[in-house]
C-alpha atoms as a PDB file:
ATOM      1  CA  MET A   1       8.804  18.946 -19.099  1.00  0.00           C
ATOM      2  CA  LYS A   2       6.574  21.603 -20.633  1.00  0.00           C
ATOM      3  CA  ASN A   3       2.939  20.965 -19.712  1.00  0.00           C
ATOM      4  CA  VAL A   4       2.663  19.942 -16.103  1.00  0.00           C
ATOM      5  CA  LEU A   5      -0.257  18.784 -13.968  1.00  0.00           C
ATOM      6  CA  VAL A   6       0.424  19.210 -10.230  1.00  0.00           C
ATOM      7  CA  ILE A   7      -1.667  16.968  -8.025  1.00  0.00           C
ATOM      8  CA  ASN A   8      -1.849  18.024  -4.396  1.00  0.00           C
ATOM      9  CA  ASN A   9      -3.069  15.919  -1.488  1.00  0.00           C
ATOM     10  CA  GLN A  10      -3.721  18.615   1.095  1.00  0.00           C
ATOM     11  CA  ASN A  11      -4.236  16.058   3.851  1.00  0.00           C
ATOM     12  CA  ALA A  12      -0.821  14.436   3.354  1.00  0.00           C
ATOM     13  CA  GLY A  13       2.067  14.971   5.689  1.00  0.00           C
ATOM     14  CA  ARG A  14      -0.047  16.614   8.400  1.00  0.00           C
ATOM     15  CA  LYS A  15      -1.014  19.391   5.977  1.00  0.00           C
ATOM     16  CA  LYS A  16       2.611  19.978   4.808  1.00  0.00           C
ATOM     17  CA  ALA A  17       1.532  19.384   1.202  1.00  0.00           C
ATOM     18  CA  ILE A  18      -0.055  22.858   1.106  1.00  0.00           C
ATOM     19  CA  LYS A  19       3.304  24.481   1.818  1.00  0.00           C
ATOM     20  CA  TYR A  20       5.133  22.164  -0.561  1.00  0.00           C
ATOM     21  CA  LYS A  21       2.850  23.080  -3.426  1.00  0.00           C
ATOM     22  CA  LYS A  22       4.104  26.696  -3.342  1.00  0.00           C
ATOM     23  CA  LEU A  23       7.684  25.519  -3.695  1.00  0.00           C
ATOM     24  CA  VAL A  24       6.781  23.304  -6.700  1.00  0.00           C
ATOM     25  CA  LEU A  25       4.888  26.025  -8.467  1.00  0.00           C
ATOM     26  CA  GLN A  26       7.753  28.485  -8.010  1.00  0.00           C
ATOM     27  CA  PHE A  27      10.160  25.932  -9.497  1.00  0.00           C
ATOM     28  CA  LEU A  28       7.937  25.176 -12.492  1.00  0.00           C
ATOM     29  CA  LEU A  29       7.309  28.871 -13.238  1.00  0.00           C
ATOM     30  CA  ARG A  30      11.074  29.484 -13.246  1.00  0.00           C
ATOM     31  CA  LYS A  31      11.342  26.748 -15.862  1.00  0.00           C
ATOM     32  CA  ASN A  32       8.607  28.430 -17.961  1.00  0.00           C
ATOM     33  CA  CYS A  33       6.322  25.416 -17.746  1.00  0.00           C
ATOM     34  CA  SER A  34       2.599  25.575 -18.369  1.00  0.00           C
ATOM     35  CA  VAL A  35       1.032  24.429 -15.093  1.00  0.00           C
ATOM     36  CA  LYS A  36      -2.366  23.322 -13.831  1.00  0.00           C
ATOM     37  CA  THR A  37      -2.957  22.383 -10.167  1.00  0.00           C
ATOM     38  CA  ILE A  38      -5.699  20.167  -8.812  1.00  0.00           C
ATOM     39  CA  GLU A  39      -6.496  18.332  -5.614  1.00  0.00           C
ATOM     40  CA  ILE A  40      -6.234  14.528  -5.579  1.00  0.00           C
ATOM     41  CA  ASN A  41     -10.043  14.221  -5.273  1.00  0.00           C
ATOM     42  CA  ASP A  42     -10.441  15.834  -8.696  1.00  0.00           C
ATOM     43  CA  PHE A  43      -7.820  13.669 -10.424  1.00  0.00           C
ATOM     44  CA  GLN A  44     -10.145  10.983 -11.800  1.00  0.00           C
ATOM     45  CA  HIS A  45     -12.246  13.634 -13.535  1.00  0.00           C
ATOM     46  CA  THR A  46      -9.307  15.479 -15.065  1.00  0.00           C
ATOM     47  CA  SER A  47      -8.154  14.770 -18.629  1.00  0.00           C
ATOM     48  CA  LEU A  48      -4.425  14.030 -18.945  1.00  0.00           C
ATOM     49  CA  ASP A  49      -4.254  14.507 -22.717  1.00  0.00           C
ATOM     50  CA  ASN A  50      -2.441  17.858 -22.686  1.00  0.00           C
ATOM     51  CA  PHE A  51       0.155  17.021 -20.032  1.00  0.00           C
ATOM     52  CA  ASP A  52       3.568  15.452 -20.464  1.00  0.00           C
ATOM     53  CA  THR A  53       4.381  15.488 -16.758  1.00  0.00           C
ATOM     54  CA  ILE A  54       2.410  14.682 -13.631  1.00  0.00           C
ATOM     55  CA  ILE A  55       3.801  15.872 -10.286  1.00  0.00           C
ATOM     56  CA  ALA A  56       2.301  14.338  -7.137  1.00  0.00           C
ATOM     57  CA  ILE A  57       2.600  16.059  -3.776  1.00  0.00           C
ATOM     58  CA  GLY A  58       1.655  13.363  -1.352  1.00  0.00           C
ATOM     59  CA  GLY A  59       2.428   9.880  -0.122  1.00  0.00           C
ATOM     60  CA  ASP A  60       2.178   6.342  -1.469  1.00  0.00           C
ATOM     61  CA  GLY A  61      -1.619   6.451  -1.418  1.00  0.00           C
ATOM     62  CA  THR A  62      -1.567   9.469  -3.702  1.00  0.00           C
ATOM     63  CA  ILE A  63       0.849   7.740  -6.086  1.00  0.00           C
ATOM     64  CA  ASN A  64      -1.313   4.605  -6.069  1.00  0.00           C
ATOM     65  CA  SER A  65      -4.271   6.689  -7.287  1.00  0.00           C
ATOM     66  CA  ILE A  66      -2.268   8.114 -10.204  1.00  0.00           C
ATOM     67  CA  ILE A  67      -0.382   5.047 -11.485  1.00  0.00           C
ATOM     68  CA  PRO A  68      -3.286   3.232 -13.232  1.00  0.00           C
ATOM     69  CA  ARG A  69      -3.920   6.194 -15.529  1.00  0.00           C
ATOM     70  CA  ILE A  70      -0.305   6.632 -16.694  1.00  0.00           C
ATOM     71  CA  ILE A  71       0.767   3.037 -17.225  1.00  0.00           C
ATOM     72  CA  ASN A  72       2.239   2.470 -20.696  1.00  0.00           C
ATOM     73  CA  THR A  73       1.840   6.150 -21.627  1.00  0.00           C
ATOM     74  CA  ASP A  74       4.407   8.878 -22.388  1.00  0.00           C
ATOM     75  CA  LYS A  75       3.538  10.729 -19.147  1.00  0.00           C
ATOM     76  CA  THR A  76       6.372  11.146 -16.630  1.00  0.00           C
ATOM     77  CA  LEU A  77       5.609  11.023 -12.933  1.00  0.00           C
ATOM     78  CA  GLY A  78       7.368  13.241 -10.423  1.00  0.00           C
ATOM     79  CA  ILE A  79       7.097  12.798  -6.645  1.00  0.00           C
ATOM     80  CA  ILE A  80       7.374  15.362  -3.877  1.00  0.00           C
ATOM     81  CA  PRO A  81       7.112  12.971  -0.890  1.00  0.00           C
ATOM     82  CA  CYS A  82       4.665  14.163   1.739  1.00  0.00           C
ATOM     83  CA  GLY A  83       3.032  11.105   3.327  1.00  0.00           C
ATOM     84  CA  THR A  84       3.331   8.695   6.178  1.00  0.00           C
ATOM     85  CA  ALA A  85       5.665   6.172   4.572  1.00  0.00           C
ATOM     86  CA  ASN A  86       6.902   7.529   1.198  1.00  0.00           C
ATOM     87  CA  LEU A  87       8.290   4.095   0.285  1.00  0.00           C
ATOM     88  CA  LEU A  88       8.418   4.613  -3.469  1.00  0.00           C
ATOM     89  CA  ALA A  89      10.210   7.923  -3.045  1.00  0.00           C
ATOM     90  CA  ALA A  90      12.701   6.255  -0.734  1.00  0.00           C
ATOM     91  CA  LYS A  91      13.279   3.441  -3.236  1.00  0.00           C
ATOM     92  CA  LEU A  92      13.885   6.022  -6.004  1.00  0.00           C
ATOM     93  CA  LYS A  93      16.311   7.892  -3.685  1.00  0.00           C
ATOM     94  CA  ILE A  94      14.143  11.000  -3.731  1.00  0.00           C
ATOM     95  CA  PRO A  95      14.989  13.207  -0.691  1.00  0.00           C
ATOM     96  CA  MET A  96      12.266  13.843   1.892  1.00  0.00           C
ATOM     97  CA  ASP A  97      13.239  17.536   1.940  1.00  0.00           C
ATOM     98  CA  PRO A  98      10.951  19.172  -0.685  1.00  0.00           C
ATOM     99  CA  LYS A  99      13.590  21.579  -1.908  1.00  0.00           C
ATOM    100  CA  LYS A 100      15.954  18.694  -2.599  1.00  0.00           C
ATOM    101  CA  ALA A 101      13.176  16.543  -4.071  1.00  0.00           C
ATOM    102  CA  ILE A 102      12.384  19.249  -6.601  1.00  0.00           C
ATOM    103  CA  LYS A 103      15.943  19.047  -7.913  1.00  0.00           C
ATOM    104  CA  ILE A 104      15.226  15.423  -9.022  1.00  0.00           C
ATOM    105  CA  LEU A 105      12.677  16.783 -11.509  1.00  0.00           C
ATOM    106  CA  ASP A 106      15.156  16.841 -14.404  1.00  0.00           C
ATOM    107  CA  ASP A 107      15.075  14.995 -17.728  1.00  0.00           C
ATOM    108  CA  THR A 108      18.401  13.353 -16.884  1.00  0.00           C
ATOM    109  CA  ASN A 109      16.747  11.557 -13.982  1.00  0.00           C
ATOM    110  CA  ILE A 110      13.963   9.824 -15.888  1.00  0.00           C
ATOM    111  CA  LYS A 111      13.730   6.013 -15.613  1.00  0.00           C
ATOM    112  CA  THR A 112      11.079   3.499 -16.637  1.00  0.00           C
ATOM    113  CA  ILE A 113      10.004   1.112 -13.897  1.00  0.00           C
ATOM    114  CA  ASP A 114       7.939  -2.085 -13.609  1.00  0.00           C
ATOM    115  CA  THR A 115       4.549  -2.288 -11.964  1.00  0.00           C
ATOM    116  CA  LEU A 116       2.580  -5.125 -10.446  1.00  0.00           C
ATOM    117  CA  LYS A 117      -0.898  -6.090 -11.605  1.00  0.00           C
ATOM    118  CA  VAL A 118      -2.951  -7.642  -8.819  1.00  0.00           C
ATOM    119  CA  GLN A 119      -6.254  -8.774 -10.302  1.00  0.00           C
ATOM    120  CA  ASP A 120      -7.381  -5.555 -12.001  1.00  0.00           C
ATOM    121  CA  ASN A 121      -5.374  -3.263  -9.731  1.00  0.00           C
ATOM    122  CA  PHE A 122      -1.890  -1.838 -10.348  1.00  0.00           C
ATOM    123  CA  SER A 123       0.817  -1.456  -7.752  1.00  0.00           C
ATOM    124  CA  VAL A 124       4.300   0.026  -7.693  1.00  0.00           C
ATOM    125  CA  LEU A 125       5.220  -1.197  -4.199  1.00  0.00           C
ATOM    126  CA  ARG A 126       3.740  -4.363  -2.798  1.00  0.00           C
ATOM    127  CA  PHE A 127       0.765  -6.577  -2.132  1.00  0.00           C
ATOM    128  CA  GLY A 128       0.333  -8.199   1.259  1.00  0.00           C
ATOM    129  CA  LEU A 129      -1.732 -10.795   3.046  1.00  0.00           C
ATOM    130  CA  GLY A 130      -1.769 -11.804   6.694  1.00  0.00           C
ATOM    131  CA  TYR A 131       0.518 -10.022   9.157  1.00  0.00           C
ATOM    132  CA  ASP A 132       1.687  -7.356   6.710  1.00  0.00           C
ATOM    133  CA  SER A 133      -1.909  -6.588   5.744  1.00  0.00           C
ATOM    134  CA  ASP A 134      -3.047  -6.429   9.374  1.00  0.00           C
ATOM    135  CA  ILE A 135      -0.446  -3.773  10.172  1.00  0.00           C
ATOM    136  CA  ILE A 136      -1.401  -1.636   7.186  1.00  0.00           C
ATOM    137  CA  ASN A 137      -5.172  -2.021   7.515  1.00  0.00           C
ATOM    138  CA  LYS A 138      -5.544  -1.834  11.300  1.00  0.00           C
ATOM    139  CA  THR A 139      -3.222   0.994  12.279  1.00  0.00           C
ATOM    140  CA  PRO A 140      -5.568   3.781  13.377  1.00  0.00           C
ATOM    141  CA  GLN A 141      -5.360   7.076  11.465  1.00  0.00           C
ATOM    142  CA  SER A 142      -5.237   8.923  14.790  1.00  0.00           C
ATOM    143  CA  LEU A 143      -2.056   6.983  15.683  1.00  0.00           C
ATOM    144  CA  LYS A 144      -0.521   7.774  12.292  1.00  0.00           C
ATOM    145  CA  ASN A 145      -1.351  11.452  12.731  1.00  0.00           C
ATOM    146  CA  LYS A 146       0.372  11.457  16.113  1.00  0.00           C
ATOM    147  CA  PHE A 147       3.424   9.249  15.479  1.00  0.00           C
ATOM    148  CA  GLY A 148       3.765   9.179  11.698  1.00  0.00           C
ATOM    149  CA  TYR A 149       5.478   6.081  10.305  1.00  0.00           C
ATOM    150  CA  PHE A 150       6.424   4.916  13.796  1.00  0.00           C
ATOM    151  CA  ALA A 151       2.744   4.066  14.351  1.00  0.00           C
ATOM    152  CA  TYR A 152       3.197   1.052  12.001  1.00  0.00           C
ATOM    153  CA  VAL A 153       6.164  -0.090  14.151  1.00  0.00           C
ATOM    154  CA  LEU A 154       4.023   0.034  17.306  1.00  0.00           C
ATOM    155  CA  ILE A 155       1.181  -1.922  15.733  1.00  0.00           C
ATOM    156  CA  GLY A 156       3.642  -4.367  14.182  1.00  0.00           C
ATOM    157  CA  ILE A 157       5.066  -5.220  17.605  1.00  0.00           C
ATOM    158  CA  LEU A 158       1.585  -5.671  19.030  1.00  0.00           C
ATOM    159  CA  PHE A 159       0.409  -7.952  16.212  1.00  0.00           C
ATOM    160  CA  ALA A 160       3.651  -9.970  16.323  1.00  0.00           C
ATOM    161  CA  LEU A 161       2.538 -11.219  19.733  1.00  0.00           C
ATOM    162  CA  ARG A 162      -0.595 -12.811  18.258  1.00  0.00           C
ATOM    163  CA  LEU A 163       0.385 -14.182  14.906  1.00  0.00           C
ATOM    164  CA  LYS A 164      -2.147 -16.367  13.056  1.00  0.00           C
ATOM    165  CA  GLN A 165      -1.364 -18.972  10.343  1.00  0.00           C
ATOM    166  CA  LYS A 166      -3.526 -19.607   7.320  1.00  0.00           C
ATOM    167  CA  SER A 167      -3.359 -22.339   4.719  1.00  0.00           C
ATOM    168  CA  TYR A 168      -2.392 -21.187   1.209  1.00  0.00           C
ATOM    169  CA  THR A 169      -1.990 -22.878  -2.142  1.00  0.00           C
ATOM    170  CA  ILE A 170       0.278 -20.985  -4.497  1.00  0.00           C
ATOM    171  CA  TYR A 171       1.263 -21.540  -8.144  1.00  0.00           C
ATOM    172  CA  PHE A 172       4.433 -20.041  -9.632  1.00  0.00           C
ATOM    173  CA  ASN A 173       7.164 -21.016 -12.129  1.00  0.00           C
ATOM    174  CA  ASN A 174       5.238 -24.212 -13.006  1.00  0.00           C
ATOM    175  CA  LYS A 175       5.273 -25.226  -9.321  1.00  0.00           C
ATOM    176  CA  LYS A 176       2.534 -25.789  -6.749  1.00  0.00           C
ATOM    177  CA  LEU A 177       3.119 -24.844  -3.137  1.00  0.00           C
ATOM    178  CA  SER A 178       0.836 -25.725  -0.239  1.00  0.00           C
ATOM    179  CA  ILE A 179       1.860 -23.956   2.935  1.00  0.00           C
ATOM    180  CA  LEU A 180       0.834 -22.643   6.326  1.00  0.00           C
ATOM    181  CA  ALA A 181       1.882 -18.981   6.531  1.00  0.00           C
ATOM    182  CA  THR A 182       1.384 -15.946   8.712  1.00  0.00           C
ATOM    183  CA  CYS A 183       2.314 -13.463   5.982  1.00  0.00           C
ATOM    184  CA  ILE A 184       2.725 -13.269   2.187  1.00  0.00           C
ATOM    185  CA  ILE A 185       4.332 -10.236   0.604  1.00  0.00           C
ATOM    186  CA  VAL A 186       4.637  -9.780  -3.164  1.00  0.00           C
ATOM    187  CA  ALA A 187       6.933  -6.839  -3.825  1.00  0.00           C
ATOM    188  CA  ASN A 188       7.937  -4.758  -6.789  1.00  0.00           C
ATOM    189  CA  ALA A 189       9.782  -2.620  -4.264  1.00  0.00           C
ATOM    190  CA  GLY A 190      10.691  -4.558  -1.141  1.00  0.00           C
ATOM    191  CA  ASN A 191      11.807  -1.677   1.074  1.00  0.00           C
ATOM    192  CA  MET A 192      10.006  -1.169   4.362  1.00  0.00           C
ATOM    193  CA  TYR A 193      10.427   1.306   7.206  1.00  0.00           C
ATOM    194  CA  LYS A 194      11.635   3.938   4.716  1.00  0.00           C
ATOM    195  CA  ASN A 195      14.769   2.282   3.247  1.00  0.00           C
ATOM    196  CA  LEU A 196      15.983   0.688   6.492  1.00  0.00           C
ATOM    197  CA  ILE A 197      15.117  -2.921   5.599  1.00  0.00           C
ATOM    198  CA  SER A 198      13.959  -4.926   2.591  1.00  0.00           C
ATOM    199  CA  ILE A 199      12.130  -8.220   2.369  1.00  0.00           C
ATOM    200  CA  SER A 200      14.320  -9.186  -0.561  1.00  0.00           C
ATOM    201  CA  ASN A 201      17.995  -9.342  -1.515  1.00  0.00           C
ATOM    202  CA  ASN A 202      17.310  -8.586  -5.146  1.00  0.00           C
ATOM    203  CA  CYS A 203      14.247  -6.325  -5.374  1.00  0.00           C
ATOM    204  CA  ASN A 204      14.683  -4.037  -8.362  1.00  0.00           C
ATOM    205  CA  LEU A 205      12.138  -1.757  -9.954  1.00  0.00           C
ATOM    206  CA  GLU A 206      13.521  -2.430 -13.436  1.00  0.00           C
ATOM    207  CA  ASP A 207      14.338  -6.160 -13.564  1.00  0.00           C
ATOM    208  CA  GLY A 208      11.036  -7.486 -15.035  1.00  0.00           C
ATOM    209  CA  LYS A 209      10.373  -9.669 -11.946  1.00  0.00           C
ATOM    210  CA  PHE A 210       8.798  -9.338  -8.530  1.00  0.00           C
ATOM    211  CA  ASP A 211       9.945 -10.775  -5.210  1.00  0.00           C
ATOM    212  CA  VAL A 212       7.887 -13.009  -2.931  1.00  0.00           C
ATOM    213  CA  PHE A 213       8.402 -13.338   0.827  1.00  0.00           C
ATOM    214  CA  ILE A 214       6.449 -15.913   2.792  1.00  0.00           C
ATOM    215  CA  LEU A 215       6.676 -15.943   6.564  1.00  0.00           C
ATOM    216  CA  LYS A 216       5.801 -19.320   8.142  1.00  0.00           C
ATOM    217  CA  VAL A 217       6.403 -18.765  11.840  1.00  0.00           C
ATOM    218  CA  LYS A 218       3.723 -18.347  14.492  1.00  0.00           C
ATOM    219  CA  ASN A 219       5.801 -18.114  17.665  1.00  0.00           C
ATOM    220  CA  PRO A 220       6.579 -14.463  18.543  1.00  0.00           C
ATOM    221  CA  ILE A 221      10.154 -15.261  19.645  1.00  0.00           C
ATOM    222  CA  THR A 222      10.882 -17.092  16.383  1.00  0.00           C
ATOM    223  CA  PHE A 223       9.300 -14.211  14.526  1.00  0.00           C
ATOM    224  CA  PHE A 224      11.617 -11.668  16.081  1.00  0.00           C
ATOM    225  CA  ILE A 225      14.636 -13.850  15.295  1.00  0.00           C
ATOM    226  CA  GLU A 226      13.529 -13.957  11.639  1.00  0.00           C
ATOM    227  CA  PHE A 227      12.946 -10.203  11.725  1.00  0.00           C
ATOM    228  CA  LEU A 228      16.494  -9.656  12.940  1.00  0.00           C
ATOM    229  CA  GLU A 229      17.815 -11.821  10.085  1.00  0.00           C
ATOM    230  CA  ILE A 230      15.913  -9.609   7.639  1.00  0.00           C
ATOM    231  CA  ILE A 231      17.369  -6.482   9.190  1.00  0.00           C
ATOM    232  CA  PHE A 232      20.883  -7.852   8.943  1.00  0.00           C
ATOM    233  CA  ASN A 233      20.285  -8.983   5.363  1.00  0.00           C
ATOM    234  CA  TYR A 234      20.511 -12.714   6.105  1.00  0.00           C
ATOM    235  CA  LYS A 235      17.704 -13.849   3.851  1.00  0.00           C
ATOM    236  CA  ASN A 236      17.643 -17.523   2.922  1.00  0.00           C
ATOM    237  CA  SER A 237      14.717 -19.846   2.402  1.00  0.00           C
ATOM    238  CA  ASN A 238      14.383 -22.177   5.392  1.00  0.00           C
ATOM    239  CA  SER A 239      11.777 -23.590   7.732  1.00  0.00           C
ATOM    240  CA  LYS A 240      10.808 -20.103   8.905  1.00  0.00           C
ATOM    241  CA  ALA A 241      10.575 -18.198   5.640  1.00  0.00           C
ATOM    242  CA  MET A 242      10.735 -18.426   1.873  1.00  0.00           C
ATOM    243  CA  TYR A 243      12.191 -16.040  -0.694  1.00  0.00           C
ATOM    244  CA  PHE A 244      11.919 -16.277  -4.467  1.00  0.00           C
ATOM    245  CA  GLN A 245      11.416 -14.260  -7.669  1.00  0.00           C
ATOM    246  CA  THR A 246       8.884 -14.805 -10.427  1.00  0.00           C
ATOM    247  CA  GLU A 247       6.912 -13.000 -13.121  1.00  0.00           C
ATOM    248  CA  GLU A 248       3.519 -14.556 -12.364  1.00  0.00           C
ATOM    249  CA  LEU A 249       1.818 -15.864  -9.225  1.00  0.00           C
ATOM    250  CA  LEU A 250      -1.578 -17.342  -8.423  1.00  0.00           C
ATOM    251  CA  ILE A 251      -2.887 -17.629  -4.877  1.00  0.00           C
ATOM    252  CA  LYS A 252      -5.941 -19.869  -4.448  1.00  0.00           C
ATOM    253  CA  ASN A 253      -8.448 -17.875  -2.476  1.00  0.00           C
ATOM    254  CA  ASP A 254     -12.058 -17.849  -1.310  1.00  0.00           C
ATOM    255  CA  PHE A 255     -12.063 -14.649   0.663  1.00  0.00           C
ATOM    256  CA  SER A 256      -9.144 -12.579   2.017  1.00  0.00           C
ATOM    257  CA  THR A 257      -8.497  -9.049   3.081  1.00  0.00           C
ATOM    258  CA  GLY A 258      -5.160  -7.671   2.009  1.00  0.00           C
ATOM    259  CA  HIS A 259      -3.549  -4.457   0.906  1.00  0.00           C
ATOM    260  CA  ILE A 260      -2.120  -3.010  -2.307  1.00  0.00           C
ATOM    261  CA  ASP A 261       0.422  -0.201  -1.720  1.00  0.00           C
ATOM    262  CA  GLY A 262      -1.082   0.418   1.710  1.00  0.00           C
ATOM    263  CA  GLU A 263      -4.716   0.515   0.561  1.00  0.00           C
ATOM    264  CA  LYS A 264      -7.117  -2.062   1.974  1.00  0.00           C
ATOM    265  CA  GLN A 265      -8.496  -4.530  -0.550  1.00  0.00           C
ATOM    266  CA  LYS A 266     -10.986  -7.406  -0.278  1.00  0.00           C
ATOM    267  CA  PHE A 267     -10.416 -10.438  -2.556  1.00  0.00           C
ATOM    268  CA  LYS A 268     -13.287 -12.842  -3.194  1.00  0.00           C
ATOM    269  CA  ASP A 269     -11.635 -14.918  -5.957  1.00  0.00           C
ATOM    270  CA  ASP A 270      -8.237 -16.460  -6.693  1.00  0.00           C
ATOM    271  CA  ILE A 271      -5.584 -13.753  -6.612  1.00  0.00           C
ATOM    272  CA  LYS A 272      -3.566 -13.514  -9.837  1.00  0.00           C
ATOM    273  CA  ILE A 273      -0.452 -11.341  -9.857  1.00  0.00           C
ATOM    274  CA  ASN A 274       1.873 -10.557 -12.745  1.00  0.00           C
ATOM    275  CA  ILE A 275       4.594  -8.069 -13.586  1.00  0.00           C
ATOM    276  CA  VAL A 276       4.033  -5.280 -16.142  1.00  0.00           C
ATOM    277  CA  PRO A 277       7.580  -4.534 -17.244  1.00  0.00           C
ATOM    278  CA  LYS A 278       8.922  -1.044 -18.038  1.00  0.00           C
ATOM    279  CA  SER A 279       5.425   0.464 -17.785  1.00  0.00           C
ATOM    280  CA  VAL A 280       5.804   3.790 -15.892  1.00  0.00           C
ATOM    281  CA  LYS A 281       8.123   6.720 -16.622  1.00  0.00           C
ATOM    282  CA  ILE A 282       9.251   8.369 -13.407  1.00  0.00           C
ATOM    283  CA  PHE A 283      11.808  10.805 -12.017  1.00  0.00           C
ATOM    284  CA  GLY A 284      14.305   9.103  -9.688  1.00  0.00           C
ATOM    285  CA  LYS A 285      17.935   8.219  -9.160  1.00  0.00           C
END
């Protein structure tokens, strides 16, 4: 780590990113690094040629903006978590305390992780349709500012009382699946609600596969029973839900609104998803 680009999202973490940036710069100067700092809005117009390390001070949205430009390069990504969810940081066991997170920025902690490719978009976390997407896309920013990640929990409970099924046709592993579902989640990292639960038993950032979770239930009571089974790690395919792993997936689609790593996306064509193995170098445990 010699030439470092620090990307700051000053709006992340209720303005905490501004304070965190000072800690990061002090750390890098002690290590005699050459450092440039920019705001996330300037990132797309900044050349990365002279940098071996990118450090992001922000949340999953900030990371999602950076990932497409460093896939299959020699750049190493560091994360100082400062967002609403910080799911990738949690999956990588990066502490939420910035002073502790900075200590992860060491060459002995570099790993190379998989990414998802959803159409022409890249993802390190997950893609969602239906219930999962509604929670992400329809939670008001004012609620997130007030309650943080708990805002998603509140909206999740509300939307669970009015679940809607949709017909899907899905192709994977040389199989065709026609199904009524309230939610489809495709996960490179399946952790949700920080690291409290996961929609998969096997989700691994380095295994060359992604995990698929399909929720079939519409009744709120049945939904909460299934949710409890997920919490207590009792995840088996049954009449209420499906779990499987694959490397490629195709969802037949005319028009859907979903999300990729928490960012709203509109899909007008069939949705093709595949794994991009060992494609991003990153600091983590």
